[in-house]
């Protein structure tokens, strides 16, 4: 609990929920106080706003995770329930109770001592489920791929399965969810689907950095899928090429 507060208070980014401090009500456990996020988690928001711009939401999540990784912080429990939507419709990462800080190539676990599992099975990478290593940037990328799948499918990965069955499917059968149907109009392009499949690769070293997702969704210049009120349309993005002399 204290460790989470220590990490969270130093994280300042538009896609990280702002941390205000700790509060101890009379005869009640101390709680952490963050900004008010009225729209709930990302899945609740999509239920209320089914035509929300999913690419914009994914970009916000990616920017938040990129900020963490640039500051050598591993989230450790990235999942749809830990992505809240603020009053402006932007996603904010929360819950840094399982966060780790990487220092001089050594991972220093700063989470409070707890009993039992320290992961959410359906969003956890094989190496985490197999108890091989602690969370890493690569395991965050795996979780991000699962989050993106959830955003387009509107359901949890391996929904309805017991944890033991999820572990068997992910670790030993190397199974992953199928591509959600009828989601091209929502922004799930072939290239984004390929990124998702690479992001949840079995081997940690095979997973791309989050910056590659941001680059995919924001450039390079060329044809982009731009959303209008009537749906998605291809528009040529005009750009100026500057030559140095």
C-alpha atoms as a PDB file:
ATOM      1  CA  UNK A   1       0.000   0.000   0.000  1.00  0.00           C
ATOM      2  CA  UNK A   2       2.706   2.489   1.010  1.00  0.00           C
ATOM      3  CA  UNK A   3       4.887   1.363  -1.880  1.00  0.00           C
ATOM      4  CA  UNK A   4       2.049   1.975  -4.342  1.00  0.00           C
ATOM      5  CA  UNK A   5       1.694   5.524  -3.034  1.00  0.00           C
ATOM      6  CA  UNK A   6       5.438   6.118  -3.377  1.00  0.00           C
ATOM      7  CA  UNK A   7       5.422   5.096  -7.036  1.00  0.00           C
ATOM      8  CA  UNK A   8       2.122   6.695  -7.997  1.00  0.00           C
ATOM      9  CA  UNK A   9       2.904  10.140  -6.576  1.00  0.00           C
ATOM     10  CA  UNK A  10       5.838  10.507  -8.965  1.00  0.00           C
ATOM     11  CA  UNK A  11       3.858   9.601 -12.094  1.00  0.00           C
ATOM     12  CA  UNK A  12       2.592  12.689 -13.914  1.00  0.00           C
ATOM     13  CA  UNK A  13       1.071  12.145 -17.348  1.00  0.00           C
ATOM     14  CA  UNK A  14      -2.304  12.850 -19.012  1.00  0.00           C
ATOM     15  CA  UNK A  15      -2.967   9.106 -19.273  1.00  0.00           C
ATOM     16  CA  UNK A  16      -2.020   8.292 -15.686  1.00  0.00           C
ATOM     17  CA  UNK A  17      -4.665   9.012 -13.058  1.00  0.00           C
ATOM     18  CA  UNK A  18      -3.484  11.887 -10.874  1.00  0.00           C
ATOM     19  CA  UNK A  19      -2.566  10.906  -7.323  1.00  0.00           C
ATOM     20  CA  UNK A  20      -3.583  13.378  -4.603  1.00  0.00           C
ATOM     21  CA  UNK A  21      -2.530  11.619  -1.441  1.00  0.00           C
ATOM     22  CA  UNK A  22      -3.670   9.201   1.246  1.00  0.00           C
ATOM     23  CA  UNK A  23      -6.616   9.509   3.595  1.00  0.00           C
ATOM     24  CA  UNK A  24      -7.349   7.587   6.766  1.00  0.00           C
ATOM     25  CA  UNK A  25     -11.036   7.725   7.765  1.00  0.00           C
ATOM     26  CA  UNK A  26     -11.914   7.220  11.411  1.00  0.00           C
ATOM     27  CA  UNK A  27     -11.432   3.559  12.363  1.00  0.00           C
ATOM     28  CA  UNK A  28     -11.171   2.552   8.715  1.00  0.00           C
ATOM     29  CA  UNK A  29      -8.229   1.447   6.567  1.00  0.00           C
ATOM     30  CA  UNK A  30      -6.224   4.140   4.830  1.00  0.00           C
ATOM     31  CA  UNK A  31      -7.177   4.771   1.208  1.00  0.00           C
ATOM     32  CA  UNK A  32      -5.368   6.370  -1.716  1.00  0.00           C
ATOM     33  CA  UNK A  33      -7.044   9.418  -3.229  1.00  0.00           C
ATOM     34  CA  UNK A  34      -6.879  10.062  -6.973  1.00  0.00           C
ATOM     35  CA  UNK A  35      -8.678  12.317  -9.421  1.00  0.00           C
ATOM     36  CA  UNK A  36     -12.368  11.677  -9.986  1.00  0.00           C
ATOM     37  CA  UNK A  37     -12.908   9.458 -13.036  1.00  0.00           C
ATOM     38  CA  UNK A  38     -16.677   9.591 -13.573  1.00  0.00           C
ATOM     39  CA  UNK A  39     -17.055   7.329 -16.605  1.00  0.00           C
ATOM     40  CA  UNK A  40     -15.783   4.179 -14.914  1.00  0.00           C
ATOM     41  CA  UNK A  41     -13.457   1.650 -16.478  1.00  0.00           C
ATOM     42  CA  UNK A  42     -12.972   1.328 -20.209  1.00  0.00           C
ATOM     43  CA  UNK A  43     -15.405  -1.571 -20.662  1.00  0.00           C
ATOM     44  CA  UNK A  44     -18.185   0.215 -18.803  1.00  0.00           C
ATOM     45  CA  UNK A  45     -17.519   3.283 -20.931  1.00  0.00           C
ATOM     46  CA  UNK A  46     -17.795   1.246 -24.140  1.00  0.00           C
ATOM     47  CA  UNK A  47     -21.073  -0.256 -22.941  1.00  0.00           C
ATOM     48  CA  UNK A  48     -22.446   3.263 -22.491  1.00  0.00           C
ATOM     49  CA  UNK A  49     -20.793   4.609 -25.647  1.00  0.00           C
ATOM     50  CA  UNK A  50     -20.557   1.671 -28.082  1.00  0.00           C
ATOM     51  CA  UNK A  51     -19.402   3.894 -30.957  1.00  0.00           C
ATOM     52  CA  UNK A  52     -16.602   5.535 -28.967  1.00  0.00           C
ATOM     53  CA  UNK A  53     -13.354   6.086 -30.866  1.00  0.00           C
ATOM     54  CA  UNK A  54     -11.482   2.927 -29.925  1.00  0.00           C
ATOM     55  CA  UNK A  55      -8.286   3.951 -31.702  1.00  0.00           C
ATOM     56  CA  UNK A  56      -8.170   7.143 -29.639  1.00  0.00           C
ATOM     57  CA  UNK A  57      -8.646   5.111 -26.461  1.00  0.00           C
ATOM     58  CA  UNK A  58      -5.923   2.626 -27.434  1.00  0.00           C
ATOM     59  CA  UNK A  59      -3.526   5.464 -28.244  1.00  0.00           C
ATOM     60  CA  UNK A  60      -4.125   6.995 -24.827  1.00  0.00           C
ATOM     61  CA  UNK A  61      -3.421   3.679 -23.107  1.00  0.00           C
ATOM     62  CA  UNK A  62      -0.288   3.222 -25.209  1.00  0.00           C
ATOM     63  CA  UNK A  63       0.974   6.716 -24.385  1.00  0.00           C
ATOM     64  CA  UNK A  64       0.451   6.077 -20.676  1.00  0.00           C
ATOM     65  CA  UNK A  65       2.324   2.783 -20.829  1.00  0.00           C
ATOM     66  CA  UNK A  66       5.088   4.331 -22.934  1.00  0.00           C
ATOM     67  CA  UNK A  67       5.540   6.969 -20.217  1.00  0.00           C
ATOM     68  CA  UNK A  68       5.825   4.286 -17.534  1.00  0.00           C
ATOM     69  CA  UNK A  69       8.363   2.266 -19.505  1.00  0.00           C
ATOM     70  CA  UNK A  70      10.398   5.376 -20.376  1.00  0.00           C
ATOM     71  CA  UNK A  71      10.663   6.007 -16.634  1.00  0.00           C
ATOM     72  CA  UNK A  72      11.626   2.368 -16.014  1.00  0.00           C
ATOM     73  CA  UNK A  73       8.329   1.522 -14.343  1.00  0.00           C
ATOM     74  CA  UNK A  74       6.550  -1.762 -15.094  1.00  0.00           C
ATOM     75  CA  UNK A  75       2.819  -1.628 -14.373  1.00  0.00           C
ATOM     76  CA  UNK A  76       2.517  -5.328 -13.613  1.00  0.00           C
ATOM     77  CA  UNK A  77      -1.291  -5.549 -13.641  1.00  0.00           C
ATOM     78  CA  UNK A  78      -2.484  -3.899 -16.834  1.00  0.00           C
ATOM     79  CA  UNK A  79      -6.074  -4.932 -17.568  1.00  0.00           C
ATOM     80  CA  UNK A  80      -9.339  -3.346 -18.606  1.00  0.00           C
ATOM     81  CA  UNK A  81     -10.436  -2.829 -14.988  1.00  0.00           C
ATOM     82  CA  UNK A  82      -7.315  -0.730 -14.362  1.00  0.00           C
ATOM     83  CA  UNK A  83      -8.022   1.655 -17.228  1.00  0.00           C
ATOM     84  CA  UNK A  84     -10.451   4.381 -16.196  1.00  0.00           C
ATOM     85  CA  UNK A  85     -12.018   7.083 -18.362  1.00  0.00           C
ATOM     86  CA  UNK A  86     -11.926  10.712 -17.236  1.00  0.00           C
ATOM     87  CA  UNK A  87     -14.483  13.438 -17.880  1.00  0.00           C
ATOM     88  CA  UNK A  88     -12.823  14.288 -21.186  1.00  0.00           C
ATOM     89  CA  UNK A  89     -13.126  10.726 -22.468  1.00  0.00           C
ATOM     90  CA  UNK A  90      -9.410   9.991 -22.126  1.00  0.00           C
ATOM     91  CA  UNK A  91      -8.121   6.710 -20.632  1.00  0.00           C
ATOM     92  CA  UNK A  92      -6.091   6.846 -17.424  1.00  0.00           C
ATOM     93  CA  UNK A  93      -4.076   3.980 -15.962  1.00  0.00           C
ATOM     94  CA  UNK A  94      -4.638   3.224 -12.286  1.00  0.00           C
ATOM     95  CA  UNK A  95      -3.597   0.686  -9.636  1.00  0.00           C
ATOM     96  CA  UNK A  96       0.159   0.558  -9.209  1.00  0.00           C
ATOM     97  CA  UNK A  97       0.098  -1.972  -6.384  1.00  0.00           C
ATOM     98  CA  UNK A  98       2.037  -4.486  -8.497  1.00  0.00           C
ATOM     99  CA  UNK A  99       4.356  -1.974 -10.123  1.00  0.00           C
ATOM    100  CA  UNK A 100       8.077  -2.586 -10.301  1.00  0.00           C
ATOM    101  CA  UNK A 101      10.930  -0.173 -10.866  1.00  0.00           C
ATOM    102  CA  UNK A 102      13.884  -1.174 -13.028  1.00  0.00           C
ATOM    103  CA  UNK A 103      17.186   0.223 -11.829  1.00  0.00           C
ATOM    104  CA  UNK A 104      20.578  -0.480 -13.362  1.00  0.00           C
ATOM    105  CA  UNK A 105      19.230  -3.529 -15.246  1.00  0.00           C
ATOM    106  CA  UNK A 106      18.008  -5.060 -11.977  1.00  0.00           C
ATOM    107  CA  UNK A 107      14.298  -5.168 -11.264  1.00  0.00           C
ATOM    108  CA  UNK A 108      13.431  -3.913  -7.809  1.00  0.00           C
ATOM    109  CA  UNK A 109      10.021  -5.074  -6.676  1.00  0.00           C
ATOM    110  CA  UNK A 110       8.353  -2.289  -4.758  1.00  0.00           C
ATOM    111  CA  UNK A 111       4.943  -3.826  -4.227  1.00  0.00           C
ATOM    112  CA  UNK A 112       3.634  -4.390  -0.761  1.00  0.00           C
ATOM    113  CA  UNK A 113       3.838  -7.885   0.679  1.00  0.00           C
ATOM    114  CA  UNK A 114       0.624  -9.768  -0.040  1.00  0.00           C
ATOM    115  CA  UNK A 115      -0.550 -13.336   0.063  1.00  0.00           C
ATOM    116  CA  UNK A 116      -1.754 -15.347  -2.906  1.00  0.00           C
ATOM    117  CA  UNK A 117      -1.541 -14.612  -6.590  1.00  0.00           C
ATOM    118  CA  UNK A 118      -0.247 -11.308  -7.888  1.00  0.00           C
ATOM    119  CA  UNK A 119      -1.748 -11.344 -11.360  1.00  0.00           C
ATOM    120  CA  UNK A 120      -4.983 -11.485 -13.339  1.00  0.00           C
ATOM    121  CA  UNK A 121      -4.788 -14.713 -15.319  1.00  0.00           C
ATOM    122  CA  UNK A 122      -6.596 -13.724 -18.512  1.00  0.00           C
ATOM    123  CA  UNK A 123      -4.318 -10.699 -19.024  1.00  0.00           C
ATOM    124  CA  UNK A 124      -1.082 -12.319 -17.823  1.00  0.00           C
ATOM    125  CA  UNK A 125       1.793 -13.446 -20.029  1.00  0.00           C
ATOM    126  CA  UNK A 126       2.827 -17.123 -20.108  1.00  0.00           C
ATOM    127  CA  UNK A 127       6.019 -16.483 -18.158  1.00  0.00           C
ATOM    128  CA  UNK A 128       3.997 -14.828 -15.378  1.00  0.00           C
ATOM    129  CA  UNK A 129       1.429 -17.625 -15.249  1.00  0.00           C
ATOM    130  CA  UNK A 130       4.262 -20.145 -15.215  1.00  0.00           C
ATOM    131  CA  UNK A 131       5.884 -18.324 -12.275  1.00  0.00           C
ATOM    132  CA  UNK A 132       9.124 -17.963 -14.195  1.00  0.00           C
ATOM    133  CA  UNK A 133       9.796 -14.252 -13.681  1.00  0.00           C
ATOM    134  CA  UNK A 134       8.343 -11.131 -12.128  1.00  0.00           C
ATOM    135  CA  UNK A 135       6.471  -8.665 -14.358  1.00  0.00           C
ATOM    136  CA  UNK A 136       8.546  -6.959 -17.058  1.00  0.00           C
ATOM    137  CA  UNK A 137       7.983  -4.455 -19.834  1.00  0.00           C
ATOM    138  CA  UNK A 138       7.425  -7.443 -22.122  1.00  0.00           C
ATOM    139  CA  UNK A 139       4.674  -8.835 -19.883  1.00  0.00           C
ATOM    140  CA  UNK A 140       3.056  -5.376 -19.908  1.00  0.00           C
ATOM    141  CA  UNK A 141       3.060  -5.542 -23.718  1.00  0.00           C
ATOM    142  CA  UNK A 142       1.328  -8.934 -23.602  1.00  0.00           C
ATOM    143  CA  UNK A 143      -1.314  -7.452 -21.299  1.00  0.00           C
ATOM    144  CA  UNK A 144      -1.702  -4.457 -23.617  1.00  0.00           C
ATOM    145  CA  UNK A 145      -2.400  -6.773 -26.553  1.00  0.00           C
ATOM    146  CA  UNK A 146      -5.099  -8.506 -24.503  1.00  0.00           C
ATOM    147  CA  UNK A 147      -6.565  -5.135 -23.507  1.00  0.00           C
ATOM    148  CA  UNK A 148      -6.788  -4.088 -27.166  1.00  0.00           C
ATOM    149  CA  UNK A 149      -8.512  -7.371 -27.998  1.00  0.00           C
ATOM    150  CA  UNK A 150     -10.965  -6.690 -25.172  1.00  0.00           C
ATOM    151  CA  UNK A 151     -11.667  -3.181 -26.458  1.00  0.00           C
ATOM    152  CA  UNK A 152     -12.739  -4.572 -29.836  1.00  0.00           C
ATOM    153  CA  UNK A 153     -14.461  -7.767 -28.676  1.00  0.00           C
ATOM    154  CA  UNK A 154     -16.343  -6.182 -25.758  1.00  0.00           C
ATOM    155  CA  UNK A 155     -15.597  -9.190 -23.575  1.00  0.00           C
ATOM    156  CA  UNK A 156     -12.884 -10.551 -21.337  1.00  0.00           C
ATOM    157  CA  UNK A 157     -10.206 -12.871 -22.751  1.00  0.00           C
ATOM    158  CA  UNK A 158     -11.038 -16.544 -22.148  1.00  0.00           C
ATOM    159  CA  UNK A 159     -14.365 -15.485 -20.679  1.00  0.00           C
ATOM    160  CA  UNK A 160     -16.072 -18.101 -18.518  1.00  0.00           C
ATOM    161  CA  UNK A 161     -12.975 -20.260 -18.098  1.00  0.00           C
ATOM    162  CA  UNK A 162     -11.479 -21.246 -14.756  1.00  0.00           C
ATOM    163  CA  UNK A 163      -8.013 -19.913 -13.988  1.00  0.00           C
ATOM    164  CA  UNK A 164      -6.423 -23.363 -14.307  1.00  0.00           C
ATOM    165  CA  UNK A 165      -7.948 -23.728 -17.763  1.00  0.00           C
ATOM    166  CA  UNK A 166      -6.639 -20.306 -18.794  1.00  0.00           C
ATOM    167  CA  UNK A 167      -3.139 -21.245 -17.644  1.00  0.00           C
ATOM    168  CA  UNK A 168      -3.303 -24.494 -19.602  1.00  0.00           C
ATOM    169  CA  UNK A 169      -4.502 -22.708 -22.751  1.00  0.00           C
ATOM    170  CA  UNK A 170      -1.935 -19.891 -22.577  1.00  0.00           C
ATOM    171  CA  UNK A 171       1.157 -21.625 -21.209  1.00  0.00           C
ATOM    172  CA  UNK A 172       0.958 -25.142 -22.605  1.00  0.00           C
ATOM    173  CA  UNK A 173      -1.380 -24.960 -25.605  1.00  0.00           C
ATOM    174  CA  UNK A 174      -0.067 -21.509 -26.584  1.00  0.00           C
ATOM    175  CA  UNK A 175      -3.603 -20.538 -27.453  1.00  0.00           C
ATOM    176  CA  UNK A 176      -4.863 -16.982 -27.971  1.00  0.00           C
ATOM    177  CA  UNK A 177      -8.282 -15.468 -28.684  1.00  0.00           C
ATOM    178  CA  UNK A 178      -9.586 -15.350 -32.249  1.00  0.00           C
ATOM    179  CA  UNK A 179      -9.882 -12.108 -34.159  1.00  0.00           C
ATOM    180  CA  UNK A 180     -13.138 -10.363 -33.214  1.00  0.00           C
ATOM    181  CA  UNK A 181     -15.671 -10.306 -36.040  1.00  0.00           C
ATOM    182  CA  UNK A 182     -17.160  -7.198 -37.653  1.00  0.00           C
ATOM    183  CA  UNK A 183     -14.622  -4.821 -36.127  1.00  0.00           C
ATOM    184  CA  UNK A 184     -12.970  -3.288 -39.184  1.00  0.00           C
ATOM    185  CA  UNK A 185     -15.410  -0.387 -38.995  1.00  0.00           C
ATOM    186  CA  UNK A 186     -14.340   0.109 -35.374  1.00  0.00           C
ATOM    187  CA  UNK A 187     -10.693   0.419 -36.379  1.00  0.00           C
ATOM    188  CA  UNK A 188      -9.280  -3.098 -36.096  1.00  0.00           C
ATOM    189  CA  UNK A 189      -7.222  -3.095 -39.290  1.00  0.00           C
ATOM    190  CA  UNK A 190      -5.129  -6.004 -40.532  1.00  0.00           C
ATOM    191  CA  UNK A 191      -1.963  -4.212 -39.427  1.00  0.00           C
ATOM    192  CA  UNK A 192      -3.304  -3.617 -35.935  1.00  0.00           C
ATOM    193  CA  UNK A 193      -4.361  -7.262 -35.696  1.00  0.00           C
ATOM    194  CA  UNK A 194      -0.827  -8.298 -36.667  1.00  0.00           C
ATOM    195  CA  UNK A 195       0.537  -6.058 -33.897  1.00  0.00           C
ATOM    196  CA  UNK A 196      -1.813  -7.672 -31.382  1.00  0.00           C
ATOM    197  CA  UNK A 197      -0.671 -11.157 -32.391  1.00  0.00           C
ATOM    198  CA  UNK A 198       2.980 -10.117 -32.078  1.00  0.00           C
ATOM    199  CA  UNK A 199       2.255  -8.378 -28.780  1.00  0.00           C
ATOM    200  CA  UNK A 200       0.951 -11.557 -27.175  1.00  0.00           C
ATOM    201  CA  UNK A 201       3.739 -13.761 -28.551  1.00  0.00           C
ATOM    202  CA  UNK A 202       4.773 -16.674 -26.361  1.00  0.00           C
ATOM    203  CA  UNK A 203       8.352 -15.454 -25.998  1.00  0.00           C
ATOM    204  CA  UNK A 204       8.944 -12.122 -24.217  1.00  0.00           C
ATOM    205  CA  UNK A 205      11.742 -11.112 -26.606  1.00  0.00           C
ATOM    206  CA  UNK A 206       9.368 -11.469 -29.571  1.00  0.00           C
ATOM    207  CA  UNK A 207       7.039  -8.730 -28.317  1.00  0.00           C
ATOM    208  CA  UNK A 208       7.451  -5.220 -29.753  1.00  0.00           C
ATOM    209  CA  UNK A 209       7.889  -2.046 -27.700  1.00  0.00           C
ATOM    210  CA  UNK A 210       4.814   0.080 -27.115  1.00  0.00           C
ATOM    211  CA  UNK A 211       6.312   2.804 -29.312  1.00  0.00           C
ATOM    212  CA  UNK A 212       5.740   0.561 -32.342  1.00  0.00           C
ATOM    213  CA  UNK A 213       2.004   0.558 -31.621  1.00  0.00           C
ATOM    214  CA  UNK A 214       1.961   4.347 -31.361  1.00  0.00           C
ATOM    215  CA  UNK A 215       3.840   4.624 -34.648  1.00  0.00           C
ATOM    216  CA  UNK A 216       1.396   2.228 -36.289  1.00  0.00           C
ATOM    217  CA  UNK A 217      -1.644   4.218 -35.199  1.00  0.00           C
ATOM    218  CA  UNK A 218      -0.260   7.693 -35.869  1.00  0.00           C
ATOM    219  CA  UNK A 219       1.973   7.286 -38.945  1.00  0.00           C
ATOM    220  CA  UNK A 220       3.894   7.144 -41.136  1.00  0.00           C
ATOM    221  CA  UNK A 221       2.200   9.572 -43.518  1.00  0.00           C
ATOM    222  CA  UNK A 222       0.024   7.904 -46.114  1.00  0.00           C
ATOM    223  CA  UNK A 223      -3.434   6.428 -46.007  1.00  0.00           C
ATOM    224  CA  UNK A 224      -5.133   6.489 -42.633  1.00  0.00           C
ATOM    225  CA  UNK A 225      -8.539   5.316 -41.631  1.00  0.00           C
ATOM    226  CA  UNK A 226     -10.365   8.409 -40.493  1.00  0.00           C
ATOM    227  CA  UNK A 227     -13.626   8.164 -38.685  1.00  0.00           C
ATOM    228  CA  UNK A 228     -16.643  10.292 -39.582  1.00  0.00           C
ATOM    229  CA  UNK A 229     -20.210  10.237 -38.361  1.00  0.00           C
ATOM    230  CA  UNK A 230     -21.033   7.970 -41.274  1.00  0.00           C
ATOM    231  CA  UNK A 231     -18.303   5.468 -40.490  1.00  0.00           C
ATOM    232  CA  UNK A 232     -14.708   4.907 -41.502  1.00  0.00           C
ATOM    233  CA  UNK A 233     -13.287   6.228 -44.755  1.00  0.00           C
ATOM    234  CA  UNK A 234      -9.880   6.187 -46.361  1.00  0.00           C
ATOM    235  CA  UNK A 235      -8.386   9.624 -46.799  1.00  0.00           C
ATOM    236  CA  UNK A 236      -5.005  10.542 -48.185  1.00  0.00           C
ATOM    237  CA  UNK A 237      -3.003  12.447 -45.625  1.00  0.00           C
ATOM    238  CA  UNK A 238      -1.211  15.321 -47.249  1.00  0.00           C
ATOM    239  CA  UNK A 239       2.223  16.115 -45.939  1.00  0.00           C
ATOM    240  CA  UNK A 240       5.137  18.359 -46.794  1.00  0.00           C
ATOM    241  CA  UNK A 241       8.520  16.777 -47.303  1.00  0.00           C
ATOM    242  CA  UNK A 242      11.265  19.080 -46.129  1.00  0.00           C
ATOM    243  CA  UNK A 243      14.621  18.737 -47.785  1.00  0.00           C
ATOM    244  CA  UNK A 244      17.786  19.917 -46.150  1.00  0.00           C
ATOM    245  CA  UNK A 245      20.288  21.708 -48.350  1.00  0.00           C
END
